[in-house]
Amino acid sequence: MKLFFRRFGNGIPVVVLHGLFGLSDNWVTFGRRLGEHYSVYIPDMRNHGLSPHSNFFDFPALESDLLEMIEEWGTSEMYLIGHSLGGKTAMFFTLHHPETVKKLVVVDISLRKPLVSREHQMLLNAMLSVDFSTIHSRSDVDKQLSTWISSEKLRLFLLKNIYWRDRKTLDWRLNLHAINENLTSIFEGIDDPGSYSGPTLFIRGGMSDYILDSDFIEIESKFPGASVKTIADASHWVHADAPREFYTMVKTFLDL
């Protein structure tokens, strides 16, 4: 599948994979800044943003998309960064193509099945419940979402996926039905054979439970070159909560 992507800068390729319900636009500030030193590629994953929709939405499909993309660029080696679903995709890809990944950064996700899939199902239900026949503005969408989601910050994150389908009609860019149908499969843990011995950095939010201390043994078994760092005041959306600290942590790791 040919993915839409944004590119910033020149140099060694760095690919950044966003999380579930995210899109490349969420990473533009980070990408532009890192693009002062590297060639940064930020795709919209399938069923997200400006990339095509498909009924197939699992890790093999996401791996295939990434492989097709880097083969098209003619890239034989890259740095790979992934947040949440993007982080799981990055781990899945790296375990299958270790020779392609020079360094790996995984942001606030572990190998195991997360404990919070109910929250994501609630977010999906909230988005699916929006009645666009009564919608005239983004604020109308926000009002309907607010009956499900109390966090304004989370609603604003989801609202970045709204677009004008025509001059009078708003809609979701996300392929919500395909994501909903495949939610169970993308929340499964990654239990693939093999390991990746290259330099790996796991960054977790101190206010998040996606990477627990109990995950370290499994992380080290699959990624023996891994270190885990914590940004204390950050939630699951580490890069948004602590952008400066996050950037410095990633840049320092890539520069080593």
C-alpha atoms as a PDB file:
ATOM      1  CA  MET A   1       0.000   0.000   0.000  1.00  0.00           C
ATOM      2  CA  LYS A   2       1.387   3.412  -0.983  1.00  0.00           C
ATOM      3  CA  LEU A   3       1.312   5.568   2.161  1.00  0.00           C
ATOM      4  CA  PHE A   4       1.123   9.341   2.352  1.00  0.00           C
ATOM      5  CA  PHE A   5       4.138  10.744   4.179  1.00  0.00           C
ATOM      6  CA  ARG A   6       5.785  14.023   5.141  1.00  0.00           C
ATOM      7  CA  ARG A   7       9.521  14.553   4.765  1.00  0.00           C
ATOM      8  CA  PHE A   8      11.859  17.022   6.466  1.00  0.00           C
ATOM      9  CA  GLY A   9      15.594  17.593   6.100  1.00  0.00           C
ATOM     10  CA  ASN A  10      18.427  15.562   4.634  1.00  0.00           C
ATOM     11  CA  GLY A  11      20.878  12.966   5.867  1.00  0.00           C
ATOM     12  CA  ILE A  12      20.467   9.552   7.473  1.00  0.00           C
ATOM     13  CA  PRO A  13      16.803   8.457   7.176  1.00  0.00           C
ATOM     14  CA  VAL A  14      14.679   8.529  10.334  1.00  0.00           C
ATOM     15  CA  VAL A  15      11.171   7.071  10.066  1.00  0.00           C
ATOM     16  CA  VAL A  16       8.559   8.083  12.662  1.00  0.00           C
ATOM     17  CA  LEU A  17       5.395   5.983  13.111  1.00  0.00           C
ATOM     18  CA  HIS A  18       2.426   7.562  14.905  1.00  0.00           C
ATOM     19  CA  GLY A  19       0.012   5.783  17.219  1.00  0.00           C
ATOM     20  CA  LEU A  20      -3.610   4.684  16.950  1.00  0.00           C
ATOM     21  CA  PHE A  21      -5.949   7.583  16.046  1.00  0.00           C
ATOM     22  CA  GLY A  22      -2.878   9.705  15.310  1.00  0.00           C
ATOM     23  CA  LEU A  23      -1.494  11.043  12.039  1.00  0.00           C
ATOM     24  CA  SER A  24       1.720  12.447  10.639  1.00  0.00           C
ATOM     25  CA  ASP A  25       0.602  16.021  11.353  1.00  0.00           C
ATOM     26  CA  ASN A  26       0.971  15.341  15.104  1.00  0.00           C
ATOM     27  CA  TRP A  27       4.738  14.935  14.588  1.00  0.00           C
ATOM     28  CA  VAL A  28       5.448  17.900  12.284  1.00  0.00           C
ATOM     29  CA  THR A  29       7.131  20.077  14.939  1.00  0.00           C
ATOM     30  CA  PHE A  30       9.348  17.186  16.052  1.00  0.00           C
ATOM     31  CA  GLY A  31      10.058  16.214  12.438  1.00  0.00           C
ATOM     32  CA  ARG A  32      11.056  19.724  11.386  1.00  0.00           C
ATOM     33  CA  ARG A  33      13.400  20.082  14.328  1.00  0.00           C
ATOM     34  CA  LEU A  34      15.000  16.669  13.855  1.00  0.00           C
ATOM     35  CA  GLY A  35      15.118  17.405  10.130  1.00  0.00           C
ATOM     36  CA  GLU A  36      17.845  19.943  10.828  1.00  0.00           C
ATOM     37  CA  HIS A  37      20.143  16.932  11.331  1.00  0.00           C
ATOM     38  CA  TYR A  38      18.487  13.956   9.605  1.00  0.00           C
ATOM     39  CA  SER A  39      16.144  13.083   6.757  1.00  0.00           C
ATOM     40  CA  VAL A  40      12.857  12.529   8.611  1.00  0.00           C
ATOM     41  CA  TYR A  41       9.966  10.597   7.069  1.00  0.00           C
ATOM     42  CA  ILE A  42       6.592  10.591   8.842  1.00  0.00           C
ATOM     43  CA  PRO A  43       3.931   8.453   7.154  1.00  0.00           C
ATOM     44  CA  ASP A  44       0.227   8.287   7.845  1.00  0.00           C
ATOM     45  CA  MET A  45      -0.353   4.623   8.638  1.00  0.00           C
ATOM     46  CA  ARG A  46      -3.069   2.805   6.680  1.00  0.00           C
ATOM     47  CA  ASN A  47      -6.620   3.770   7.703  1.00  0.00           C
ATOM     48  CA  HIS A  48      -5.235   7.040   9.137  1.00  0.00           C
ATOM     49  CA  GLY A  49      -4.734  10.543   7.786  1.00  0.00           C
ATOM     50  CA  LEU A  50      -4.248  10.824   4.036  1.00  0.00           C
ATOM     51  CA  SER A  51      -3.193   7.191   3.498  1.00  0.00           C
ATOM     52  CA  PRO A  52      -5.518   4.668   1.827  1.00  0.00           C
ATOM     53  CA  HIS A  53      -8.140   2.662   3.679  1.00  0.00           C
ATOM     54  CA  SER A  54      -8.230  -1.123   3.870  1.00  0.00           C
ATOM     55  CA  ASN A  55     -10.187  -3.810   5.681  1.00  0.00           C
ATOM     56  CA  PHE A  56      -6.838  -5.400   6.568  1.00  0.00           C
ATOM     57  CA  PHE A  57      -5.366  -3.790   9.658  1.00  0.00           C
ATOM     58  CA  ASP A  58      -2.888  -5.899  11.589  1.00  0.00           C
ATOM     59  CA  PHE A  59       0.851  -5.983  12.204  1.00  0.00           C
ATOM     60  CA  PRO A  60       1.761  -7.998   9.094  1.00  0.00           C
ATOM     61  CA  ALA A  61      -0.117  -5.429   6.971  1.00  0.00           C
ATOM     62  CA  LEU A  62       1.543  -2.490   8.738  1.00  0.00           C
ATOM     63  CA  GLU A  63       4.947  -4.170   8.365  1.00  0.00           C
ATOM     64  CA  SER A  64       4.309  -4.686   4.650  1.00  0.00           C
ATOM     65  CA  ASP A  65       3.394  -1.003   4.202  1.00  0.00           C
ATOM     66  CA  LEU A  66       6.622   0.124   5.852  1.00  0.00           C
ATOM     67  CA  LEU A  67       8.723  -2.308   3.851  1.00  0.00           C
ATOM     68  CA  GLU A  68       7.137  -1.160   0.590  1.00  0.00           C
ATOM     69  CA  MET A  69       7.763   2.461   1.513  1.00  0.00           C
ATOM     70  CA  ILE A  70      11.465   2.107   2.315  1.00  0.00           C
ATOM     71  CA  GLU A  71      12.045  -0.096  -0.748  1.00  0.00           C
ATOM     72  CA  GLU A  72      10.531   2.674  -2.873  1.00  0.00           C
ATOM     73  CA  TRP A  73      12.960   5.171  -1.317  1.00  0.00           C
ATOM     74  CA  GLY A  74      15.881   2.838  -1.943  1.00  0.00           C
ATOM     75  CA  THR A  75      16.789   2.930   1.751  1.00  0.00           C
ATOM     76  CA  SER A  76      18.884   0.034   3.031  1.00  0.00           C
ATOM     77  CA  GLU A  77      19.327   1.315   6.581  1.00  0.00           C
ATOM     78  CA  MET A  78      17.372   3.693   8.818  1.00  0.00           C
ATOM     79  CA  TYR A  79      16.625   4.836  12.324  1.00  0.00           C
ATOM     80  CA  LEU A  80      13.092   3.822  13.339  1.00  0.00           C
ATOM     81  CA  ILE A  81      10.892   5.595  15.917  1.00  0.00           C
ATOM     82  CA  GLY A  82       7.377   4.501  16.871  1.00  0.00           C
ATOM     83  CA  HIS A  83       4.816   5.616  19.430  1.00  0.00           C
ATOM     84  CA  SER A  84       2.156   3.284  20.853  1.00  0.00           C
ATOM     85  CA  LEU A  85       0.722   1.327  17.879  1.00  0.00           C
ATOM     86  CA  GLY A  86       3.592   2.762  15.837  1.00  0.00           C
ATOM     87  CA  GLY A  87       6.008   1.473  18.483  1.00  0.00           C
ATOM     88  CA  LYS A  88       4.557  -2.024  18.282  1.00  0.00           C
ATOM     89  CA  THR A  89       4.741  -1.884  14.505  1.00  0.00           C
ATOM     90  CA  ALA A  90       8.364  -0.728  14.768  1.00  0.00           C
ATOM     91  CA  MET A  91       9.230  -3.656  17.079  1.00  0.00           C
ATOM     92  CA  PHE A  92       7.414  -6.140  14.831  1.00  0.00           C
ATOM     93  CA  PHE A  93       9.223  -4.797  11.762  1.00  0.00           C
ATOM     94  CA  THR A  94      12.632  -4.718  13.469  1.00  0.00           C
ATOM     95  CA  LEU A  95      12.407  -8.320  14.684  1.00  0.00           C
ATOM     96  CA  HIS A  96      11.741  -9.394  11.086  1.00  0.00           C
ATOM     97  CA  HIS A  97      14.184  -7.007   9.372  1.00  0.00           C
ATOM     98  CA  PRO A  98      16.977  -6.353  11.899  1.00  0.00           C
ATOM     99  CA  GLU A  99      19.505  -5.591   9.169  1.00  0.00           C
ATOM    100  CA  THR A 100      17.423  -2.590   8.033  1.00  0.00           C
ATOM    101  CA  VAL A 101      17.146  -0.829  11.411  1.00  0.00           C
ATOM    102  CA  LYS A 102      20.275   0.970  12.565  1.00  0.00           C
ATOM    103  CA  LYS A 103      18.700   2.164  15.824  1.00  0.00           C
ATOM    104  CA  LEU A 104      15.226   1.728  17.323  1.00  0.00           C
ATOM    105  CA  VAL A 105      13.222   4.077  19.550  1.00  0.00           C
ATOM    106  CA  VAL A 106       9.996   2.735  21.087  1.00  0.00           C
ATOM    107  CA  VAL A 107       7.755   5.301  22.767  1.00  0.00           C
ATOM    108  CA  ASP A 108       5.510   4.185  25.631  1.00  0.00           C
ATOM    109  CA  ILE A 109       4.543   0.699  24.550  1.00  0.00           C
ATOM    110  CA  SER A 110       5.790  -2.747  25.536  1.00  0.00           C
ATOM    111  CA  LEU A 111       5.688  -6.156  23.895  1.00  0.00           C
ATOM    112  CA  ARG A 112       2.795  -7.413  25.986  1.00  0.00           C
ATOM    113  CA  LYS A 113      -0.892  -6.853  25.404  1.00  0.00           C
ATOM    114  CA  PRO A 114      -1.784  -3.456  26.974  1.00  0.00           C
ATOM    115  CA  LEU A 115      -4.093  -3.259  29.949  1.00  0.00           C
ATOM    116  CA  VAL A 116      -6.161  -0.350  28.658  1.00  0.00           C
ATOM    117  CA  SER A 117      -7.891  -1.573  25.482  1.00  0.00           C
ATOM    118  CA  ARG A 118     -11.263  -0.715  27.041  1.00  0.00           C
ATOM    119  CA  GLU A 119     -10.312   2.966  26.850  1.00  0.00           C
ATOM    120  CA  HIS A 120      -9.571   2.676  23.144  1.00  0.00           C
ATOM    121  CA  GLN A 121     -12.869   0.865  22.547  1.00  0.00           C
ATOM    122  CA  MET A 122     -14.612   3.714  24.347  1.00  0.00           C
ATOM    123  CA  LEU A 123     -12.869   6.262  22.111  1.00  0.00           C
ATOM    124  CA  LEU A 124     -13.909   4.291  19.041  1.00  0.00           C
ATOM    125  CA  ASN A 125     -17.488   4.122  20.275  1.00  0.00           C
ATOM    126  CA  ALA A 126     -17.433   7.868  20.877  1.00  0.00           C
ATOM    127  CA  MET A 127     -16.227   8.610  17.352  1.00  0.00           C
ATOM    128  CA  LEU A 128     -18.627   6.123  15.769  1.00  0.00           C
ATOM    129  CA  SER A 129     -21.529   7.715  17.666  1.00  0.00           C
ATOM    130  CA  VAL A 130     -21.060  11.154  16.081  1.00  0.00           C
ATOM    131  CA  ASP A 131     -24.105  11.961  13.960  1.00  0.00           C
ATOM    132  CA  PHE A 132     -22.688  14.009  11.098  1.00  0.00           C
ATOM    133  CA  SER A 133     -26.166  14.744   9.740  1.00  0.00           C
ATOM    134  CA  THR A 134     -26.555  17.197  12.632  1.00  0.00           C
ATOM    135  CA  ILE A 135     -22.991  18.556  12.467  1.00  0.00           C
ATOM    136  CA  HIS A 136     -22.185  22.013  11.089  1.00  0.00           C
ATOM    137  CA  SER A 137     -18.800  22.721  12.678  1.00  0.00           C
ATOM    138  CA  ARG A 138     -15.926  21.116  14.561  1.00  0.00           C
ATOM    139  CA  SER A 139     -17.367  22.516  17.778  1.00  0.00           C
ATOM    140  CA  ASP A 140     -20.515  20.458  17.122  1.00  0.00           C
ATOM    141  CA  VAL A 141     -18.356  17.326  16.871  1.00  0.00           C
ATOM    142  CA  ASP A 142     -16.567  18.303  20.074  1.00  0.00           C
ATOM    143  CA  LYS A 143     -19.915  18.734  21.841  1.00  0.00           C
ATOM    144  CA  GLN A 144     -21.044  15.224  20.852  1.00  0.00           C
ATOM    145  CA  LEU A 145     -17.707  13.708  21.863  1.00  0.00           C
ATOM    146  CA  SER A 146     -17.869  15.444  25.245  1.00  0.00           C
ATOM    147  CA  THR A 147     -20.752  13.192  26.299  1.00  0.00           C
ATOM    148  CA  TRP A 148     -18.256  10.315  26.166  1.00  0.00           C
ATOM    149  CA  ILE A 149     -14.873  11.982  26.733  1.00  0.00           C
ATOM    150  CA  SER A 150     -14.328  14.480  29.548  1.00  0.00           C
ATOM    151  CA  SER A 151     -10.723  15.327  28.639  1.00  0.00           C
ATOM    152  CA  GLU A 152     -10.592  18.365  26.356  1.00  0.00           C
ATOM    153  CA  LYS A 153      -6.989  17.525  25.438  1.00  0.00           C
ATOM    154  CA  LEU A 154      -8.007  14.055  24.262  1.00  0.00           C
ATOM    155  CA  ARG A 155     -10.953  15.416  22.298  1.00  0.00           C
ATOM    156  CA  LEU A 156      -8.686  17.925  20.533  1.00  0.00           C
ATOM    157  CA  PHE A 157      -6.337  15.068  19.631  1.00  0.00           C
ATOM    158  CA  LEU A 158      -9.215  13.133  18.039  1.00  0.00           C
ATOM    159  CA  LEU A 159     -10.620  16.224  16.316  1.00  0.00           C
ATOM    160  CA  LYS A 160      -7.441  16.515  14.232  1.00  0.00           C
ATOM    161  CA  ASN A 161      -8.943  13.602  12.278  1.00  0.00           C
ATOM    162  CA  ILE A 162     -11.965  15.636  11.138  1.00  0.00           C
ATOM    163  CA  TYR A 163     -12.111  17.007   7.586  1.00  0.00           C
ATOM    164  CA  TRP A 164     -14.617  18.532   5.153  1.00  0.00           C
ATOM    165  CA  ARG A 165     -15.724  15.646   2.908  1.00  0.00           C
ATOM    166  CA  ASP A 166     -17.512  18.209   0.737  1.00  0.00           C
ATOM    167  CA  ARG A 167     -18.509  21.854   1.145  1.00  0.00           C
ATOM    168  CA  LYS A 168     -21.270  21.013   3.612  1.00  0.00           C
ATOM    169  CA  THR A 169     -20.266  17.750   5.268  1.00  0.00           C
ATOM    170  CA  LEU A 170     -17.657  16.968   7.910  1.00  0.00           C
ATOM    171  CA  ASP A 171     -16.427  13.415   8.428  1.00  0.00           C
ATOM    172  CA  TRP A 172     -13.660  11.310   9.972  1.00  0.00           C
ATOM    173  CA  ARG A 173     -10.525  10.663   7.913  1.00  0.00           C
ATOM    174  CA  LEU A 174      -9.994   7.516   9.984  1.00  0.00           C
ATOM    175  CA  ASN A 175     -11.372   4.233   8.701  1.00  0.00           C
ATOM    176  CA  LEU A 176     -13.169   3.699  12.009  1.00  0.00           C
ATOM    177  CA  HIS A 177     -15.016   0.560  10.971  1.00  0.00           C
ATOM    178  CA  ALA A 178     -11.829  -1.275   9.913  1.00  0.00           C
ATOM    179  CA  ILE A 179     -10.041  -0.166  13.094  1.00  0.00           C
ATOM    180  CA  ASN A 180     -13.001  -1.291  15.187  1.00  0.00           C
ATOM    181  CA  GLU A 181     -13.147  -4.693  13.469  1.00  0.00           C
ATOM    182  CA  ASN A 182      -9.415  -5.257  14.004  1.00  0.00           C
ATOM    183  CA  LEU A 183      -8.969  -3.701  17.440  1.00  0.00           C
ATOM    184  CA  THR A 184      -8.422  -7.042  19.159  1.00  0.00           C
ATOM    185  CA  SER A 185      -5.624  -8.088  16.790  1.00  0.00           C
ATOM    186  CA  ILE A 186      -3.681  -4.833  17.108  1.00  0.00           C
ATOM    187  CA  PHE A 187      -3.859  -5.063  20.898  1.00  0.00           C
ATOM    188  CA  GLU A 188      -2.311  -8.502  21.001  1.00  0.00           C
ATOM    189  CA  GLY A 189       1.190  -8.823  22.379  1.00  0.00           C
ATOM    190  CA  ILE A 190       4.200  -9.386  20.122  1.00  0.00           C
ATOM    191  CA  ASP A 191       5.599 -12.873  20.654  1.00  0.00           C
ATOM    192  CA  ASP A 192       7.751 -13.378  17.579  1.00  0.00           C
ATOM    193  CA  PRO A 193      10.892 -15.511  17.517  1.00  0.00           C
ATOM    194  CA  GLY A 194      14.243 -13.820  17.191  1.00  0.00           C
ATOM    195  CA  SER A 195      15.752 -10.739  18.737  1.00  0.00           C
ATOM    196  CA  TYR A 196      17.346  -7.425  17.800  1.00  0.00           C
ATOM    197  CA  SER A 197      20.727  -6.670  19.323  1.00  0.00           C
ATOM    198  CA  GLY A 198      21.107  -3.166  17.913  1.00  0.00           C
ATOM    199  CA  PRO A 199      20.887   0.027  20.008  1.00  0.00           C
ATOM    200  CA  THR A 200      17.327   0.412  21.305  1.00  0.00           C
ATOM    201  CA  LEU A 201      15.741   3.076  23.484  1.00  0.00           C
ATOM    202  CA  PHE A 202      12.380   2.660  25.203  1.00  0.00           C
ATOM    203  CA  ILE A 203      10.930   5.967  26.431  1.00  0.00           C
ATOM    204  CA  ARG A 204       8.000   5.780  28.844  1.00  0.00           C
ATOM    205  CA  GLY A 205       5.786   8.339  30.514  1.00  0.00           C
ATOM    206  CA  GLY A 206       5.991   8.323  34.287  1.00  0.00           C
ATOM    207  CA  MET A 207       2.208   8.781  34.457  1.00  0.00           C
ATOM    208  CA  SER A 208       1.534   5.905  32.035  1.00  0.00           C
ATOM    209  CA  ASP A 209       1.255   2.155  32.623  1.00  0.00           C
ATOM    210  CA  TYR A 210       2.062   1.005  29.083  1.00  0.00           C
ATOM    211  CA  ILE A 211       5.632   0.062  30.102  1.00  0.00           C
ATOM    212  CA  LEU A 212       5.836  -1.437  33.588  1.00  0.00           C
ATOM    213  CA  ASP A 213       8.950  -2.441  35.494  1.00  0.00           C
ATOM    214  CA  SER A 214       7.756  -6.031  35.103  1.00  0.00           C
ATOM    215  CA  ASP A 215       8.093  -5.645  31.304  1.00  0.00           C
ATOM    216  CA  PHE A 216      11.856  -5.133  31.468  1.00  0.00           C
ATOM    217  CA  ILE A 217      12.750  -8.849  31.427  1.00  0.00           C
ATOM    218  CA  GLU A 218      10.766  -9.469  28.230  1.00  0.00           C
ATOM    219  CA  ILE A 219      12.126  -6.291  26.634  1.00  0.00           C
ATOM    220  CA  GLU A 220      15.717  -7.334  27.382  1.00  0.00           C
ATOM    221  CA  SER A 221      15.121 -10.840  25.988  1.00  0.00           C
ATOM    222  CA  LYS A 222      14.008  -9.486  22.608  1.00  0.00           C
ATOM    223  CA  PHE A 223      16.107  -6.322  22.602  1.00  0.00           C
ATOM    224  CA  PRO A 224      19.300  -7.071  24.569  1.00  0.00           C
ATOM    225  CA  GLY A 225      20.765  -3.695  23.601  1.00  0.00           C
ATOM    226  CA  ALA A 226      17.822  -1.807  25.082  1.00  0.00           C
ATOM    227  CA  SER A 227      17.704   0.855  27.759  1.00  0.00           C
ATOM    228  CA  VAL A 228      14.515   2.265  29.281  1.00  0.00           C
ATOM    229  CA  LYS A 229      14.185   5.938  30.208  1.00  0.00           C
ATOM    230  CA  THR A 230      11.286   7.644  31.950  1.00  0.00           C
ATOM    231  CA  ILE A 231       9.959  11.187  31.554  1.00  0.00           C
ATOM    232  CA  ALA A 232       8.363  11.609  34.952  1.00  0.00           C
ATOM    233  CA  ASP A 233       5.607  14.144  34.271  1.00  0.00           C
ATOM    234  CA  ALA A 234       4.451  12.685  30.951  1.00  0.00           C
ATOM    235  CA  SER A 235       1.426  10.539  30.165  1.00  0.00           C
ATOM    236  CA  HIS A 236       1.132   8.022  27.318  1.00  0.00           C
ATOM    237  CA  TRP A 237       1.520  10.926  24.868  1.00  0.00           C
ATOM    238  CA  VAL A 238       5.104  11.551  25.964  1.00  0.00           C
ATOM    239  CA  HIS A 239       6.126  13.592  22.930  1.00  0.00           C
ATOM    240  CA  ALA A 240       3.196  15.982  23.402  1.00  0.00           C
ATOM    241  CA  ASP A 241       3.486  16.334  27.192  1.00  0.00           C
ATOM    242  CA  ALA A 242       7.247  16.929  27.306  1.00  0.00           C
ATOM    243  CA  PRO A 243       8.356  17.900  23.774  1.00  0.00           C
ATOM    244  CA  ARG A 244      11.713  19.439  24.713  1.00  0.00           C
ATOM    245  CA  GLU A 245      12.831  16.628  27.002  1.00  0.00           C
ATOM    246  CA  PHE A 246      11.578  14.035  24.536  1.00  0.00           C
ATOM    247  CA  TYR A 247      13.411  15.631  21.604  1.00  0.00           C
ATOM    248  CA  THR A 248      16.657  15.917  23.560  1.00  0.00           C
ATOM    249  CA  MET A 249      16.426  12.288  24.677  1.00  0.00           C
ATOM    250  CA  VAL A 250      15.842  11.011  21.136  1.00  0.00           C
ATOM    251  CA  LYS A 251      18.431  13.306  19.500  1.00  0.00           C
ATOM    252  CA  THR A 252      21.111  12.335  22.027  1.00  0.00           C
ATOM    253  CA  PHE A 253      20.417   8.645  21.424  1.00  0.00           C
ATOM    254  CA  LEU A 254      20.526   8.961  17.633  1.00  0.00           C
ATOM    255  CA  ASP A 255      23.741  10.999  17.732  1.00  0.00           C
ATOM    256  CA  LEU A 256      25.682   8.454  19.784  1.00  0.00           C
END
